[in-house]
C-alpha atoms as a PDB file:
ATOM      1  CA  THR A   1      -8.806   1.744  19.745  1.00  0.00           C
ATOM      2  CA  ASN A   2      -9.185  -0.642  22.676  1.00  0.00           C
ATOM      3  CA  ASN A   3      -9.455  -4.168  21.339  1.00  0.00           C
ATOM      4  CA  ALA A   4     -12.152  -5.269  23.758  1.00  0.00           C
ATOM      5  CA  ASN A   5     -13.368  -8.081  21.486  1.00  0.00           C
ATOM      6  CA  ASN A   6      -9.977  -9.794  21.453  1.00  0.00           C
ATOM      7  CA  LEU A   7      -9.881  -9.534  17.671  1.00  0.00           C
ATOM      8  CA  PRO A   8      -6.644  -9.821  15.696  1.00  0.00           C
ATOM      9  CA  PRO A   9      -4.948  -6.472  15.069  1.00  0.00           C
ATOM     10  CA  VAL A  10      -5.098  -4.985  11.561  1.00  0.00           C
ATOM     11  CA  ILE A  11      -2.308  -3.147   9.742  1.00  0.00           C
ATOM     12  CA  PHE A  12      -2.497  -1.003   6.588  1.00  0.00           C
ATOM     13  CA  PRO A  13       0.782  -0.693   4.661  1.00  0.00           C
ATOM     14  CA  GLY A  14       0.375   2.357   2.417  1.00  0.00           C
ATOM     15  CA  GLY A  15       0.204   2.495  -1.356  1.00  0.00           C
ATOM     16  CA  LEU A  16       2.369   4.258  -3.908  1.00  0.00           C
ATOM     17  CA  ALA A  17       1.962   8.069  -3.905  1.00  0.00           C
ATOM     18  CA  SER A  18      -0.394   7.551  -0.990  1.00  0.00           C
ATOM     19  CA  ASN A  19      -0.480   8.197   2.734  1.00  0.00           C
ATOM     20  CA  LEU A  20      -2.511   7.208   5.767  1.00  0.00           C
ATOM     21  CA  MET A  21      -5.219   9.758   4.883  1.00  0.00           C
ATOM     22  CA  THR A  22      -6.385   7.719   1.895  1.00  0.00           C
ATOM     23  CA  MET A  23      -7.257   4.703   4.071  1.00  0.00           C
ATOM     24  CA  SER A  24      -8.729   6.689   6.958  1.00  0.00           C
ATOM     25  CA  ARG A  25     -12.349   5.806   6.218  1.00  0.00           C
ATOM     26  CA  HIS A  26     -11.606   2.082   6.197  1.00  0.00           C
ATOM     27  CA  GLN A  27      -9.749   2.495   9.477  1.00  0.00           C
ATOM     28  CA  ASP A  28     -12.709   4.336  11.024  1.00  0.00           C
ATOM     29  CA  GLU A  29     -15.135   1.622   9.935  1.00  0.00           C
ATOM     30  CA  LEU A  30     -13.016  -1.198  11.327  1.00  0.00           C
ATOM     31  CA  THR A  31     -12.467   0.517  14.661  1.00  0.00           C
ATOM     32  CA  LYS A  32     -15.809   2.200  15.321  1.00  0.00           C
ATOM     33  CA  GLN A  33     -18.174  -0.322  13.748  1.00  0.00           C
ATOM     34  CA  HIS A  34     -16.355  -3.623  14.281  1.00  0.00           C
ATOM     35  CA  GLY A  35     -14.011  -3.055  17.221  1.00  0.00           C
ATOM     36  CA  PHE A  36     -10.697  -3.887  15.553  1.00  0.00           C
ATOM     37  CA  ALA A  37      -7.422  -2.340  16.619  1.00  0.00           C
ATOM     38  CA  VAL A  38      -6.007  -0.798  13.426  1.00  0.00           C
ATOM     39  CA  VAL A  39      -2.490   0.437  12.712  1.00  0.00           C
ATOM     40  CA  ASN A  40      -2.369   2.841   9.783  1.00  0.00           C
ATOM     41  CA  PHE A  41       1.121   4.198   9.165  1.00  0.00           C
ATOM     42  CA  ASP A  42       3.313   5.976   6.631  1.00  0.00           C
ATOM     43  CA  ARG A  43       6.707   4.561   5.739  1.00  0.00           C
ATOM     44  CA  LEU A  44       9.814   6.668   6.381  1.00  0.00           C
ATOM     45  CA  GLY A  45       9.831   9.673   4.055  1.00  0.00           C
ATOM     46  CA  VAL A  46       6.232   9.095   2.946  1.00  0.00           C
ATOM     47  CA  GLY A  47       3.121  11.141   3.706  1.00  0.00           C
ATOM     48  CA  LEU A  48       3.021  12.445   7.278  1.00  0.00           C
ATOM     49  CA  SER A  49       6.094  10.478   8.343  1.00  0.00           C
ATOM     50  CA  ASP A  50       9.474  12.067   8.998  1.00  0.00           C
ATOM     51  CA  PRO A  51      11.410  13.027   5.857  1.00  0.00           C
ATOM     52  CA  TYR A  52      14.527  11.168   4.852  1.00  0.00           C
ATOM     53  CA  PRO A  53      17.627  12.228   6.851  1.00  0.00           C
ATOM     54  CA  THR A  54      19.727  15.077   5.439  1.00  0.00           C
ATOM     55  CA  ASN A  55      22.615  12.667   4.856  1.00  0.00           C
ATOM     56  CA  PHE A  56      20.354  10.371   2.827  1.00  0.00           C
ATOM     57  CA  ASN A  57      22.206   9.226  -0.295  1.00  0.00           C
ATOM     58  CA  GLN A  58      19.135   8.779  -2.543  1.00  0.00           C
ATOM     59  CA  GLN A  59      19.338   4.996  -2.197  1.00  0.00           C
ATOM     60  CA  PRO A  60      15.752   3.686  -2.432  1.00  0.00           C
ATOM     61  CA  PRO A  61      14.625   1.370   0.382  1.00  0.00           C
ATOM     62  CA  SER A  62      14.591  -2.275  -0.640  1.00  0.00           C
ATOM     63  CA  ALA A  63      11.806  -4.785  -0.071  1.00  0.00           C
ATOM     64  CA  ALA A  64      13.707  -6.049   2.969  1.00  0.00           C
ATOM     65  CA  ASP A  65      13.972  -2.482   4.314  1.00  0.00           C
ATOM     66  CA  VAL A  66      10.223  -1.790   4.175  1.00  0.00           C
ATOM     67  CA  ALA A  67       9.455  -5.248   5.569  1.00  0.00           C
ATOM     68  CA  ARG A  68      11.766  -4.643   8.539  1.00  0.00           C
ATOM     69  CA  GLU A  69      10.198  -1.235   9.079  1.00  0.00           C
ATOM     70  CA  MET A  70       6.722  -2.768   9.060  1.00  0.00           C
ATOM     71  CA  ASN A  71       7.836  -5.462  11.501  1.00  0.00           C
ATOM     72  CA  PHE A  72       9.258  -2.791  13.812  1.00  0.00           C
ATOM     73  CA  VAL A  73       5.936  -0.915  13.793  1.00  0.00           C
ATOM     74  CA  MET A  74       3.990  -4.119  14.453  1.00  0.00           C
ATOM     75  CA  SER A  75       6.276  -5.200  17.296  1.00  0.00           C
ATOM     76  CA  HIS A  76       5.936  -1.826  19.002  1.00  0.00           C
ATOM     77  CA  CYS A  77       2.157  -1.872  18.644  1.00  0.00           C
ATOM     78  CA  GLU A  78       1.955  -5.423  19.998  1.00  0.00           C
ATOM     79  CA  SER A  79       3.510  -4.218  23.242  1.00  0.00           C
ATOM     80  CA  VAL A  80       0.979  -1.373  23.425  1.00  0.00           C
ATOM     81  CA  LEU A  81      -1.998  -3.599  22.575  1.00  0.00           C
ATOM     82  CA  GLN A  82      -0.665  -6.466  24.695  1.00  0.00           C
ATOM     83  CA  THR A  83      -1.475  -9.009  22.022  1.00  0.00           C
ATOM     84  CA  THR A  84       0.313 -12.015  20.558  1.00  0.00           C
ATOM     85  CA  LYS A  85      -2.242 -12.696  17.836  1.00  0.00           C
ATOM     86  CA  LYS A  86      -1.291 -12.887  14.185  1.00  0.00           C
ATOM     87  CA  TRP A  87      -2.114  -9.763  12.210  1.00  0.00           C
ATOM     88  CA  ILE A  88      -4.592  -9.140   9.424  1.00  0.00           C
ATOM     89  CA  CYS A  89      -2.893  -7.140   6.672  1.00  0.00           C
ATOM     90  CA  VAL A  90      -4.921  -4.888   4.360  1.00  0.00           C
ATOM     91  CA  GLY A  91      -2.734  -3.701   1.485  1.00  0.00           C
ATOM     92  CA  GLY A  92      -3.971  -1.201  -1.062  1.00  0.00           C
ATOM     93  CA  SER A  93      -2.076  -0.656  -4.328  1.00  0.00           C
ATOM     94  CA  MET A  94       1.657  -0.839  -3.536  1.00  0.00           C
ATOM     95  CA  GLY A  95       0.705  -1.754   0.031  1.00  0.00           C
ATOM     96  CA  ALA A  96      -0.369  -5.170  -1.247  1.00  0.00           C
ATOM     97  CA  ASN A  97       3.084  -5.778  -2.689  1.00  0.00           C
ATOM     98  CA  VAL A  98       4.756  -4.528   0.488  1.00  0.00           C
ATOM     99  CA  ALA A  99       2.546  -7.004   2.346  1.00  0.00           C
ATOM    100  CA  THR A 100       3.546  -9.933   0.124  1.00  0.00           C
ATOM    101  CA  ALA A 101       7.209  -8.994   0.563  1.00  0.00           C
ATOM    102  CA  PHE A 102       6.628  -8.891   4.315  1.00  0.00           C
ATOM    103  CA  MET A 103       4.942 -12.311   4.311  1.00  0.00           C
ATOM    104  CA  THR A 104       7.874 -13.713   2.367  1.00  0.00           C
ATOM    105  CA  LEU A 105      10.332 -12.632   5.061  1.00  0.00           C
ATOM    106  CA  TYR A 106       8.021 -12.988   8.095  1.00  0.00           C
ATOM    107  CA  PRO A 107       5.671 -15.848   7.138  1.00  0.00           C
ATOM    108  CA  ASN A 108       4.424 -16.499  10.684  1.00  0.00           C
ATOM    109  CA  ARG A 109       3.317 -12.941  11.472  1.00  0.00           C
ATOM    110  CA  ILE A 110       0.243 -12.655   9.222  1.00  0.00           C
ATOM    111  CA  GLY A 111      -2.990 -14.567   9.758  1.00  0.00           C
ATOM    112  CA  GLY A 112      -4.990 -12.950   6.937  1.00  0.00           C
ATOM    113  CA  PHE A 113      -4.318 -10.781   3.905  1.00  0.00           C
ATOM    114  CA  PHE A 114      -6.553  -8.570   1.758  1.00  0.00           C
ATOM    115  CA  ASN A 115      -5.202  -7.362  -1.582  1.00  0.00           C
ATOM    116  CA  LEU A 116      -6.954  -4.094  -2.460  1.00  0.00           C
ATOM    117  CA  ASP A 117      -6.107  -3.378  -6.088  1.00  0.00           C
ATOM    118  CA  GLY A 118      -2.464  -4.409  -5.794  1.00  0.00           C
ATOM    119  CA  LEU A 119      -0.464  -5.360  -8.876  1.00  0.00           C
ATOM    120  CA  PRO A 120      -1.445  -8.950  -9.803  1.00  0.00           C
ATOM    121  CA  HIS A 121       1.253 -11.575  -9.958  1.00  0.00           C
ATOM    122  CA  ALA A 122       0.828 -12.116 -13.694  1.00  0.00           C
ATOM    123  CA  PHE A 123       1.427  -8.434 -14.400  1.00  0.00           C
ATOM    124  CA  LEU A 124       4.587  -8.464 -12.303  1.00  0.00           C
ATOM    125  CA  GLN A 125       6.177 -11.007 -14.596  1.00  0.00           C
ATOM    126  CA  ILE A 126       5.112  -9.490 -17.912  1.00  0.00           C
ATOM    127  CA  GLN A 127       5.339  -5.696 -18.024  1.00  0.00           C
ATOM    128  CA  CYS A 128       5.767  -4.453 -14.469  1.00  0.00           C
ATOM    129  CA  LYS A 129       9.260  -2.994 -14.845  1.00  0.00           C
ATOM    130  CA  LYS A 130       8.406  -0.830 -17.868  1.00  0.00           C
ATOM    131  CA  PHE A 131       5.236   0.432 -16.204  1.00  0.00           C
ATOM    132  CA  LEU A 132       7.070   1.392 -13.027  1.00  0.00           C
ATOM    133  CA  LYS A 133       9.998   3.020 -14.800  1.00  0.00           C
ATOM    134  CA  ASP A 134       7.593   5.147 -16.854  1.00  0.00           C
ATOM    135  CA  GLY A 135       5.804   6.191 -13.672  1.00  0.00           C
ATOM    136  CA  GLN A 136       9.076   7.092 -12.000  1.00  0.00           C
ATOM    137  CA  MET A 137      10.010   9.282 -14.959  1.00  0.00           C
ATOM    138  CA  ILE A 138       6.658  11.123 -14.793  1.00  0.00           C
ATOM    139  CA  MET A 139       7.045  11.727 -11.056  1.00  0.00           C
ATOM    140  CA  ASN A 140      10.528  13.158 -11.509  1.00  0.00           C
ATOM    141  CA  MET A 141       9.164  15.441 -14.236  1.00  0.00           C
ATOM    142  CA  MET A 142       6.365  16.689 -11.975  1.00  0.00           C
ATOM    143  CA  ARG A 143       8.890  17.445  -9.266  1.00  0.00           C
ATOM    144  CA  ARG A 144      10.810  19.704 -11.651  1.00  0.00           C
ATOM    145  CA  ILE A 145       7.682  21.708 -12.548  1.00  0.00           C
ATOM    146  CA  ARG A 146       6.270  21.863  -9.015  1.00  0.00           C
ATOM    147  CA  TRP A 147       6.997  25.605  -8.833  1.00  0.00           C
ATOM    148  CA  THR A 148       4.407  26.261 -11.564  1.00  0.00           C
ATOM    149  CA  GLY A 149       1.509  24.971  -9.460  1.00  0.00           C
ATOM    150  CA  LEU A 150       0.481  22.509 -12.182  1.00  0.00           C
ATOM    151  CA  PRO A 151       0.986  19.398 -10.017  1.00  0.00           C
ATOM    152  CA  ARG A 152      -1.461  20.779  -7.439  1.00  0.00           C
ATOM    153  CA  LEU A 153      -4.092  21.264 -10.157  1.00  0.00           C
ATOM    154  CA  ALA A 154      -3.395  17.806 -11.566  1.00  0.00           C
ATOM    155  CA  PHE A 155      -3.740  16.180  -8.136  1.00  0.00           C
ATOM    156  CA  ARG A 156      -6.993  18.008  -7.431  1.00  0.00           C
ATOM    157  CA  LEU A 157      -8.509  16.780 -10.704  1.00  0.00           C
ATOM    158  CA  ALA A 158      -7.191  13.246 -10.234  1.00  0.00           C
ATOM    159  CA  LEU A 159      -8.483  12.979  -6.670  1.00  0.00           C
ATOM    160  CA  GLN A 160     -12.065  14.099  -7.310  1.00  0.00           C
ATOM    161  CA  SER A 161     -13.300  10.506  -7.496  1.00  0.00           C
ATOM    162  CA  THR A 162     -11.215   9.423  -4.496  1.00  0.00           C
ATOM    163  CA  LEU A 163     -12.062  12.123  -1.984  1.00  0.00           C
ATOM    164  CA  PRO A 164     -15.698  11.048  -1.359  1.00  0.00           C
ATOM    165  CA  VAL A 165     -14.563   7.611  -0.132  1.00  0.00           C
ATOM    166  CA  MET A 166     -11.908   8.958   2.241  1.00  0.00           C
ATOM    167  CA  GLY A 167     -14.316   9.862   4.998  1.00  0.00           C
ATOM    168  CA  ASP A 168     -14.240  13.105   6.943  1.00  0.00           C
ATOM    169  CA  ALA A 169     -11.089  12.684   9.033  1.00  0.00           C
ATOM    170  CA  PHE A 170      -9.030  14.859   6.665  1.00  0.00           C
ATOM    171  CA  THR A 171      -9.782  17.701   4.286  1.00  0.00           C
ATOM    172  CA  THR A 172      -9.009  18.002   0.596  1.00  0.00           C
ATOM    173  CA  ARG A 173      -6.573  20.817   1.311  1.00  0.00           C
ATOM    174  CA  GLN A 174      -4.646  18.669   3.798  1.00  0.00           C
ATOM    175  CA  LEU A 175      -4.301  15.770   1.374  1.00  0.00           C
ATOM    176  CA  ILE A 176      -3.234  17.881  -1.597  1.00  0.00           C
ATOM    177  CA  GLY A 177      -0.922  19.933   0.619  1.00  0.00           C
ATOM    178  CA  VAL A 178       0.977  16.798   1.634  1.00  0.00           C
ATOM    179  CA  MET A 179       1.177  15.657  -1.983  1.00  0.00           C
ATOM    180  CA  CYS A 180       2.643  18.959  -3.190  1.00  0.00           C
ATOM    181  CA  ARG A 181       5.604  19.019  -0.820  1.00  0.00           C
ATOM    182  CA  ASP A 182       9.042  18.290  -2.223  1.00  0.00           C
ATOM    183  CA  GLN A 183       9.233  15.319   0.132  1.00  0.00           C
ATOM    184  CA  PHE A 184       6.286  13.717  -1.687  1.00  0.00           C
ATOM    185  CA  PHE A 185       8.021  13.806  -5.072  1.00  0.00           C
ATOM    186  CA  VAL A 186      11.334  12.564  -3.659  1.00  0.00           C
ATOM    187  CA  ALA A 187       9.735   9.689  -1.742  1.00  0.00           C
ATOM    188  CA  THR A 188       7.360   8.647  -4.544  1.00  0.00           C
ATOM    189  CA  GLY A 189      10.145   8.643  -7.132  1.00  0.00           C
ATOM    190  CA  LEU A 190      12.213   6.387  -4.877  1.00  0.00           C
ATOM    191  CA  GLU A 191       9.280   4.148  -3.996  1.00  0.00           C
ATOM    192  CA  TYR A 192       8.874   3.114  -7.612  1.00  0.00           C
ATOM    193  CA  THR A 193      12.223   1.362  -7.206  1.00  0.00           C
ATOM    194  CA  THR A 194      11.129  -0.020  -3.824  1.00  0.00           C
ATOM    195  CA  LEU A 195       7.992  -1.417  -5.438  1.00  0.00           C
ATOM    196  CA  MET A 196      10.086  -3.122  -8.119  1.00  0.00           C
ATOM    197  CA  SER A 197      12.166  -4.675  -5.337  1.00  0.00           C
ATOM    198  CA  CYS A 198       8.992  -5.966  -3.654  1.00  0.00           C
ATOM    199  CA  CYS A 199       7.801  -7.419  -6.965  1.00  0.00           C
ATOM    200  CA  ASP A 200      11.135  -9.164  -7.537  1.00  0.00           C
ATOM    201  CA  LEU A 201      10.960 -10.699  -4.070  1.00  0.00           C
ATOM    202  CA  GLU A 202       7.373 -11.791  -4.624  1.00  0.00           C
ATOM    203  CA  CYS A 203       8.216 -13.475  -7.931  1.00  0.00           C
ATOM    204  CA  ALA A 204      11.231 -15.191  -6.362  1.00  0.00           C
ATOM    205  CA  ALA A 205       9.096 -16.484  -3.487  1.00  0.00           C
ATOM    206  CA  TRP A 206       6.006 -17.603  -5.409  1.00  0.00           C
ATOM    207  CA  GLY A 207       7.648 -18.594  -8.681  1.00  0.00           C
ATOM    208  CA  LYS A 208       6.020 -18.549 -12.088  1.00  0.00           C
ATOM    209  CA  GLN A 209       2.294 -18.340 -11.539  1.00  0.00           C
ATOM    210  CA  ALA A 210       1.358 -15.990 -14.367  1.00  0.00           C
ATOM    211  CA  THR A 211      -1.698 -17.139 -16.303  1.00  0.00           C
ATOM    212  CA  THR A 212       0.298 -16.740 -19.525  1.00  0.00           C
ATOM    213  CA  GLU A 213       2.409 -19.674 -18.392  1.00  0.00           C
ATOM    214  CA  CYS A 214      -0.398 -21.963 -17.240  1.00  0.00           C
ATOM    215  CA  ASN A 215      -1.177 -25.060 -19.257  1.00  0.00           C
ATOM    216  CA  ASP A 216      -4.599 -25.521 -20.848  1.00  0.00           C
ATOM    217  CA  GLU A 217      -5.935 -27.722 -18.057  1.00  0.00           C
ATOM    218  CA  SER A 218      -4.981 -25.217 -15.351  1.00  0.00           C
ATOM    219  CA  LEU A 219      -6.566 -22.344 -17.280  1.00  0.00           C
ATOM    220  CA  ARG A 220      -9.831 -24.284 -17.680  1.00  0.00           C
ATOM    221  CA  LEU A 221      -9.836 -25.023 -13.956  1.00  0.00           C
ATOM    222  CA  LEU A 222      -9.269 -21.375 -13.045  1.00  0.00           C
ATOM    223  CA  ALA A 223     -12.024 -20.233 -15.405  1.00  0.00           C
ATOM    224  CA  SER A 224     -14.544 -22.733 -14.019  1.00  0.00           C
ATOM    225  CA  LEU A 225     -14.028 -22.042 -10.308  1.00  0.00           C
ATOM    226  CA  ALA A 226     -16.829 -20.017  -8.732  1.00  0.00           C
ATOM    227  CA  PRO A 227     -16.104 -17.663  -5.828  1.00  0.00           C
ATOM    228  CA  ASP A 228     -17.347 -18.648  -2.387  1.00  0.00           C
ATOM    229  CA  GLU A 229     -19.045 -15.274  -2.087  1.00  0.00           C
ATOM    230  CA  SER A 230     -19.376 -12.198  -4.274  1.00  0.00           C
ATOM    231  CA  GLY A 231     -20.941  -8.780  -4.048  1.00  0.00           C
ATOM    232  CA  ILE A 232     -21.003  -5.306  -5.560  1.00  0.00           C
ATOM    233  CA  ILE A 233     -19.541  -2.473  -3.492  1.00  0.00           C
ATOM    234  CA  ASN A 234     -20.184   1.150  -4.414  1.00  0.00           C
ATOM    235  CA  GLU A 235     -17.690   3.089  -2.321  1.00  0.00           C
ATOM    236  CA  GLY A 236     -18.896   6.391  -3.723  1.00  0.00           C
ATOM    237  CA  LYS A 237     -22.090   6.014  -1.682  1.00  0.00           C
ATOM    238  CA  GLY A 238     -20.133   5.351   1.520  1.00  0.00           C
END
């Protein structure tokens, strides 16, 4: 969209097992209702992006790889938008961890960050690796039984609550069709390792901030702080 209001550009790094379709409604709202210029993209091999090259050696992208890719996309879009403003980053799920990895390596590029259901820092330090390895195993299993059609049925059932909040830019068939391609299973299985790399970088950059390691005084302070603003959002009603 044309950024007539001279607002900072917004970028959406995608989540795990996700693609740009799942954030399309948020993109539409920001552009049509508020006038932001929004960049919604799929990483290499993910969603509607190009598949991995045929000579790809099954080496998962690292946190540095996805951060460089995101920086490349942003730099290209800056030339198109003719802007030098810092970006607002909206990261959902794994996208939040990609964003924190990006901010670690490019700290002067982001002016604002929204974490939409990303893995919290405390979880990263306690049981993140086991959770992600279990998920990677399940994804590899679903890839092996893709020929039965069961993954398509599973995705349709799992997405029933998500589809109403996606807007009308894409259809259910389009979303599930993308998720049932072999590329989806390959990329998602690899991105579990990429997510672990992002988590490792985040923990290295921000140190030990898990609530399990806070002293009593810090915990009391955290529990007593009131938010500046709060509200209830029912996305199911649009």
